[in-house]
Amino acid sequence: MSEVKKIATRESYGKALVELAKEHDDIVVLDADLAAATKTAIFKKEFPDRHIDCGIAEANMMGIAAGLSTCGKVPFASTFAMFAAGRAFEQVRNTIGYPHLNVKIGATHAGISVGEDGATHQCNEDIALMRVIPGMTVINPCDDVEARAAVKAAYEMEGPVYMRFGRLAAPVINDENNYKFEIGKGILMRQGSDITIVATGLMVSYALEAAEKLAAEGISAEVINIHTIKPLDEDIIVKSAEKTKNVFTVEEHSVIGGLGSAVCDALSAKCPTKVTKIGVNDVFGHSGPALELIKEFGLDGEGIYNKIKENIQ
């Protein structure tokens, strides 16, 4: 059996920008002295006149992006998630969100899989910060195919979008030939009848691994990929919860304010169900190899499987 191809979604981001820019002259890309890391250097090489390095001044970059959007441009402001959602939160909220400007934010290096960069750079709070901004669309793709489709969809919609990309190479689990991306629509990855696993981003592939291990024990797990956390596809989650009556959410993010909280909000209103949130449990990360950290935090296939076994009804 051939090995599964792996590509970091930050790489997908850089490549998708180039492909889009070949067709759309209004795209401009901004970066905060991190073009090599965010992979916008790929864009810079192809379109140097449409790339702006704002230096280590992320808040200023968001203001520049806001201004460009009022002049008919579609700016993609790019930096690490910690700086895009954290350092520049006020500017994103007041300068982009409040006037509902057509700015796209490409936030790379999210979550504990940033690895050796440590707690200061492992942003496990960005989804919570961005989903609370009125009118902000929040997207967290799971692989290369989905990431490239997400960038295109973000360009095509009007309004602010926050896109979360990873540093770590992620397994390509979607088939580009039959994959369809739609903002606000979850994807049923695996049908099941006993439990529901709702996952996002890097965790989708690990959730599928956990589902395989559960199946070997006769537990049928339905796996749903929620690439758009806001607006949330409540229908697909409620439909599954009505069937299984037992829901698990999995995210490379704090269990506070992210996917798990969004799912709980939806189910408490429409289908009261037991929900177990699997993620970063109100702690900071720390430096270490990405794969080892994912395992340590119980977010690999084995860890998710164990957590589900501990909490299954």
Protein backbone atom coordinates (compact mmCIF):
# COMPACT_ATOMS: atom_id res chain seq x y z
CA MET A 1 0.00 0.00 0.00
CA SER A 2 1.46 3.36 -1.02
CA GLU A 3 2.24 5.94 1.63
CA VAL A 4 -0.25 8.78 2.06
CA LYS A 5 0.97 12.04 0.59
CA LYS A 6 1.51 14.82 3.14
CA ILE A 7 1.54 18.57 2.48
CA ALA A 8 1.49 21.45 4.97
CA THR A 9 -1.59 23.62 4.45
CA ARG A 10 0.59 26.74 4.65
CA GLU A 11 2.22 25.46 1.45
CA SER A 12 -1.23 25.06 -0.07
CA TYR A 13 -2.01 28.66 0.87
CA GLY A 14 1.01 30.04 -0.98
CA LYS A 15 0.33 27.99 -4.10
CA ALA A 16 -3.37 28.82 -4.14
CA LEU A 17 -2.61 32.54 -4.02
CA VAL A 18 -0.43 32.24 -7.12
CA GLU A 19 -3.07 30.34 -9.06
CA LEU A 20 -5.77 32.84 -8.11
CA ALA A 21 -3.59 35.84 -8.95
CA LYS A 22 -3.04 34.52 -12.47
CA GLU A 23 -6.76 35.01 -13.07
CA HIS A 24 -7.54 37.99 -10.83
CA ASP A 25 -5.58 41.24 -11.01
CA ASP A 26 -7.16 42.63 -7.83
CA ILE A 27 -5.40 40.19 -5.49
CA VAL A 28 -2.59 41.63 -3.38
CA VAL A 29 -0.68 39.78 -0.67
CA LEU A 30 0.69 41.33 2.50
CA ASP A 31 3.16 39.78 4.89
CA ALA A 32 4.83 40.71 8.16
CA ASP A 33 8.44 39.67 7.52
CA LEU A 34 7.48 35.99 7.40
CA ALA A 35 7.09 35.30 3.69
CA ALA A 36 9.35 32.24 3.79
CA ALA A 37 7.43 30.69 6.68
CA THR A 38 3.91 31.56 5.54
CA LYS A 39 4.84 30.50 1.98
CA THR A 40 3.72 33.80 0.49
CA ALA A 41 7.27 33.95 -0.85
CA ILE A 42 5.90 31.71 -3.61
CA PHE A 43 3.52 34.54 -4.52
CA LYS A 44 6.21 37.19 -4.14
CA LYS A 45 8.41 35.42 -6.64
CA GLU A 46 5.62 35.33 -9.24
CA PHE A 47 4.07 38.72 -8.54
CA PRO A 48 6.63 40.97 -6.82
CA ASP A 49 4.66 44.12 -7.60
CA ARG A 50 1.59 42.74 -5.82
CA HIS A 51 3.35 41.64 -2.64
CA ILE A 52 3.87 44.04 0.28
CA ASP A 53 6.19 43.18 3.15
CA CYS A 54 4.95 45.27 6.06
CA GLY A 55 7.76 44.25 8.37
CA ILE A 56 7.28 43.05 11.91
CA ALA A 57 4.23 45.26 12.33
CA GLU A 58 1.17 43.04 12.15
CA ALA A 59 -1.30 45.60 13.46
CA ASN A 60 -0.15 48.07 10.82
CA MET A 61 -0.44 45.34 8.18
CA MET A 62 -4.12 44.86 9.02
CA GLY A 63 -4.69 48.59 8.64
CA ILE A 64 -2.96 48.60 5.25
CA ALA A 65 -5.07 45.62 4.16
CA ALA A 66 -8.22 47.44 5.26
CA GLY A 67 -7.24 50.49 3.22
CA LEU A 68 -6.45 48.45 0.12
CA SER A 69 -9.84 46.74 0.32
CA THR A 70 -11.56 50.12 0.09
CA CYS A 71 -9.67 50.80 -3.17
CA GLY A 72 -10.98 47.77 -5.03
CA LYS A 73 -8.23 45.34 -4.06
CA VAL A 74 -8.70 41.96 -2.38
CA PRO A 75 -5.88 41.80 0.17
CA PHE A 76 -4.65 38.60 1.79
CA ALA A 77 -2.90 39.59 5.02
CA SER A 78 -0.53 36.82 6.08
CA THR A 79 1.34 36.01 9.27
CA PHE A 80 1.42 33.48 12.11
CA ALA A 81 -1.92 32.85 13.84
CA MET A 82 -0.50 34.14 17.12
CA PHE A 83 0.18 37.51 15.54
CA ALA A 84 -2.83 37.71 13.22
CA ALA A 85 -5.45 36.82 15.83
CA GLY A 86 -3.52 37.77 18.96
CA ARG A 87 -1.27 40.75 18.44
CA ALA A 88 -3.49 42.41 15.84
CA PHE A 89 -6.87 41.56 17.38
CA GLU A 90 -7.93 45.18 17.90
CA GLN A 91 -7.13 46.13 14.31
CA VAL A 92 -8.88 43.05 12.94
CA ARG A 93 -11.93 43.81 15.07
CA ASN A 94 -12.18 47.56 14.60
CA THR A 95 -10.55 48.21 11.22
CA ILE A 96 -11.68 45.10 9.32
CA GLY A 97 -14.58 43.53 11.20
CA TYR A 98 -16.53 46.61 12.27
CA PRO A 99 -16.77 48.12 8.74
CA HIS A 100 -17.10 44.57 7.32
CA LEU A 101 -14.30 45.03 4.81
CA ASN A 102 -13.29 42.52 2.16
CA VAL A 103 -10.02 41.45 3.79
CA LYS A 104 -8.79 37.85 3.88
CA ILE A 105 -6.47 36.82 6.70
CA GLY A 106 -4.12 33.90 6.11
CA ALA A 107 -2.98 32.72 9.53
CA THR A 108 -0.31 30.02 9.46
CA HIS A 109 1.52 28.12 12.22
CA ALA A 110 -1.59 27.58 14.33
CA GLY A 111 -1.91 25.12 17.21
CA ILE A 112 0.58 23.00 19.12
CA SER A 113 1.90 21.44 15.89
CA VAL A 114 4.03 24.57 15.53
CA GLY A 115 6.30 22.41 17.69
CA GLU A 116 9.70 23.73 18.71
CA ASP A 117 8.61 27.39 18.55
CA GLY A 118 6.95 26.79 21.90
CA ALA A 119 4.05 28.21 23.89
CA THR A 120 4.47 31.82 22.74
CA HIS A 121 3.86 30.82 19.12
CA GLN A 122 1.48 27.88 19.57
CA CYS A 123 -1.79 29.76 19.17
CA ASN A 124 -4.61 27.67 20.61
CA GLU A 125 -6.93 30.63 21.05
CA ASP A 126 -7.31 32.06 17.54
CA ILE A 127 -10.56 30.36 16.55
CA ALA A 128 -12.19 31.63 19.74
CA LEU A 129 -10.92 35.16 19.12
CA MET A 130 -12.00 35.29 15.49
CA ARG A 131 -15.41 33.62 15.78
CA VAL A 132 -16.50 36.21 18.33
CA ILE A 133 -16.03 39.06 15.82
CA PRO A 134 -19.41 39.84 14.20
CA GLY A 135 -19.51 38.93 10.51
CA MET A 136 -16.14 37.13 10.49
CA THR A 137 -16.02 33.86 8.55
CA VAL A 138 -13.65 31.33 10.14
CA ILE A 139 -12.17 28.48 8.07
CA ASN A 140 -9.83 25.69 9.21
CA PRO A 141 -9.03 23.30 6.32
CA CYS A 142 -7.89 19.73 6.93
CA ASP A 143 -5.56 19.10 3.99
CA ASP A 144 -3.99 20.45 0.82
CA VAL A 145 -7.06 19.91 -1.36
CA GLU A 146 -9.36 21.60 1.12
CA ALA A 147 -6.94 24.45 1.84
CA ARG A 148 -6.56 25.43 -1.81
CA ALA A 149 -10.32 25.28 -2.27
CA ALA A 150 -10.82 27.39 0.85
CA VAL A 151 -8.55 30.16 -0.43
CA LYS A 152 -10.50 30.29 -3.68
CA ALA A 153 -13.84 30.35 -1.82
CA ALA A 154 -12.59 33.11 0.46
CA TYR A 155 -11.67 35.22 -2.54
CA GLU A 156 -15.05 34.67 -4.15
CA MET A 157 -17.09 35.74 -1.11
CA GLU A 158 -17.51 39.32 0.05
CA GLY A 159 -16.46 40.17 3.57
CA PRO A 160 -13.74 39.36 6.10
CA VAL A 161 -12.40 35.81 6.31
CA TYR A 162 -9.97 34.23 8.76
CA MET A 163 -8.21 31.13 7.39
CA ARG A 164 -6.16 28.88 9.67
CA PHE A 165 -3.22 26.94 8.22
CA GLY A 166 -0.68 24.60 9.77
CA ARG A 167 3.09 24.26 9.78
CA LEU A 168 3.09 20.47 9.95
CA ALA A 169 2.62 18.43 6.79
CA ALA A 170 -0.88 16.94 6.87
CA PRO A 171 -2.10 13.78 5.12
CA VAL A 172 -4.03 14.49 1.91
CA ILE A 173 -7.32 12.71 2.61
CA ASN A 174 -9.56 14.36 0.02
CA ASP A 175 -9.73 13.45 -3.65
CA GLU A 176 -9.39 16.60 -5.71
CA ASN A 177 -11.37 15.06 -8.57
CA ASN A 178 -14.60 14.77 -6.59
CA TYR A 179 -14.08 17.20 -3.71
CA LYS A 180 -16.48 20.11 -3.30
CA PHE A 181 -15.86 22.96 -0.88
CA GLU A 182 -18.70 25.18 0.25
CA ILE A 183 -18.35 27.77 2.99
CA GLY A 184 -20.56 26.86 5.92
CA LYS A 185 -21.14 23.25 4.85
CA GLY A 186 -19.65 20.34 6.79
CA ILE A 187 -18.58 17.13 5.08
CA LEU A 188 -19.54 13.60 6.11
CA MET A 189 -16.26 11.70 5.96
CA ARG A 190 -17.48 8.40 7.39
CA GLN A 191 -20.96 7.12 8.22
CA GLY A 192 -21.63 5.64 11.62
CA SER A 193 -24.41 4.83 14.05
CA ASP A 194 -23.00 4.68 17.59
CA ILE A 195 -21.12 7.97 18.10
CA THR A 196 -20.42 11.20 16.24
CA ILE A 197 -16.92 12.64 15.91
CA VAL A 198 -16.86 16.25 14.75
CA ALA A 199 -13.34 17.31 13.79
CA THR A 200 -11.60 20.25 12.16
CA GLY A 201 -8.26 20.98 10.52
CA LEU A 202 -5.33 18.67 11.19
CA MET A 203 -7.51 16.62 13.54
CA VAL A 204 -9.76 15.26 10.78
CA SER A 205 -7.20 12.67 9.67
CA TYR A 206 -6.55 11.66 13.27
CA ALA A 207 -10.29 11.38 13.91
CA LEU A 208 -10.56 8.99 10.97
CA GLU A 209 -7.71 6.93 12.46
CA ALA A 210 -9.58 6.77 15.77
CA ALA A 211 -12.75 5.72 13.98
CA GLU A 212 -10.87 2.80 12.38
CA LYS A 213 -9.64 1.64 15.78
CA LEU A 214 -13.16 1.91 17.21
CA ALA A 215 -14.58 -0.05 14.29
CA ALA A 216 -12.23 -2.91 15.10
CA GLU A 217 -14.04 -3.15 18.44
CA GLY A 218 -17.50 -2.98 16.92
CA ILE A 219 -18.08 0.73 17.62
CA SER A 220 -19.49 2.58 14.61
CA ALA A 221 -18.24 6.18 14.54
CA GLU A 222 -19.60 8.83 12.21
CA VAL A 223 -16.92 11.39 11.31
CA ILE A 224 -17.79 14.91 10.22
CA ASN A 225 -15.27 17.41 8.87
CA ILE A 226 -16.17 20.96 9.89
CA HIS A 227 -13.86 23.13 7.82
CA THR A 228 -15.97 26.24 8.41
CA ILE A 229 -16.37 26.94 12.11
CA LYS A 230 -18.29 30.12 11.44
CA PRO A 231 -20.87 29.98 9.97
CA LEU A 232 -21.30 26.51 11.45
CA ASP A 233 -23.19 23.80 9.59
CA GLU A 234 -25.62 23.07 12.40
CA ASP A 235 -27.81 20.82 10.25
CA ILE A 236 -25.21 18.12 9.63
CA ILE A 237 -24.24 18.08 13.32
CA VAL A 238 -27.81 17.97 14.62
CA LYS A 239 -28.78 15.23 12.16
CA SER A 240 -25.89 13.06 13.32
CA ALA A 241 -26.47 13.80 17.00
CA GLU A 242 -30.12 12.80 16.70
CA LYS A 243 -28.94 9.43 15.41
CA THR A 244 -26.02 8.66 17.74
CA LYS A 245 -26.94 10.62 20.90
CA ASN A 246 -23.22 10.87 21.74
CA VAL A 247 -20.95 13.55 20.26
CA PHE A 248 -17.19 14.09 20.46
CA THR A 249 -15.46 17.19 19.09
CA VAL A 250 -11.77 17.17 18.18
CA GLU A 251 -9.64 20.25 17.57
CA GLU A 252 -6.03 21.42 17.75
CA HIS A 253 -7.20 24.39 19.78
CA SER A 254 -8.35 25.17 23.28
CA VAL A 255 -11.53 23.35 24.29
CA ILE A 256 -12.74 26.80 25.31
CA GLY A 257 -14.29 28.91 22.56
CA GLY A 258 -13.43 26.83 19.51
CA LEU A 259 -15.16 24.07 17.55
CA GLY A 260 -16.34 22.27 20.67
CA SER A 261 -17.97 25.38 22.06
CA ALA A 262 -19.64 26.12 18.71
CA VAL A 263 -21.03 22.58 18.54
CA CYS A 264 -22.27 22.79 22.13
CA ASP A 265 -24.02 26.09 21.35
CA ALA A 266 -25.82 24.49 18.42
CA LEU A 267 -26.80 21.25 20.14
CA SER A 268 -27.96 22.87 23.38
CA ALA A 269 -30.45 24.89 21.34
CA LYS A 270 -31.55 22.28 18.80
CA CYS A 271 -30.76 18.79 20.09
CA PRO A 272 -29.55 18.53 23.71
CA THR A 273 -26.85 15.86 23.57
CA LYS A 274 -23.86 14.72 25.59
CA VAL A 275 -20.74 16.35 24.11
CA THR A 276 -17.15 15.49 25.03
CA LYS A 277 -14.62 18.09 23.86
CA ILE A 278 -11.19 16.80 22.89
CA GLY A 279 -8.52 19.46 22.45
CA VAL A 280 -6.07 21.54 24.47
CA ASN A 281 -7.43 21.55 28.00
CA ASP A 282 -6.95 25.11 29.27
CA VAL A 283 -3.16 24.86 29.32
CA PHE A 284 -0.32 26.40 27.34
CA GLY A 285 1.74 24.30 24.99
CA HIS A 286 5.51 23.95 25.22
CA SER A 287 8.46 23.39 22.95
CA GLY A 288 8.99 20.00 21.35
CA PRO A 289 8.73 18.06 18.08
CA ALA A 290 5.27 18.53 16.58
CA LEU A 291 4.31 14.87 16.35
CA GLU A 292 5.46 14.20 19.89
CA LEU A 293 3.41 17.13 21.18
CA ILE A 294 0.31 15.95 19.35
CA LYS A 295 0.74 12.56 20.99
CA GLU A 296 1.47 14.09 24.42
CA PHE A 297 -1.69 16.20 24.27
CA GLY A 298 -3.75 13.16 23.30
CA LEU A 299 -4.59 14.46 19.86
CA ASP A 300 -3.23 11.66 17.68
CA GLY A 301 -5.40 8.75 16.57
CA GLU A 302 -4.54 6.70 19.65
CA GLY A 303 -5.19 9.59 22.02
CA ILE A 304 -8.56 10.40 20.47
CA TYR A 305 -9.51 6.72 20.56
CA ASN A 306 -8.58 6.48 24.25
CA LYS A 307 -10.54 9.62 25.14
CA ILE A 308 -13.61 8.33 23.34
CA LYS A 309 -13.36 4.95 25.06
CA GLU A 310 -13.18 6.69 28.44
CA ASN A 311 -16.30 8.75 27.78
CA ILE A 312 -18.49 6.62 25.54
CA GLN A 313 -21.98 5.95 26.85
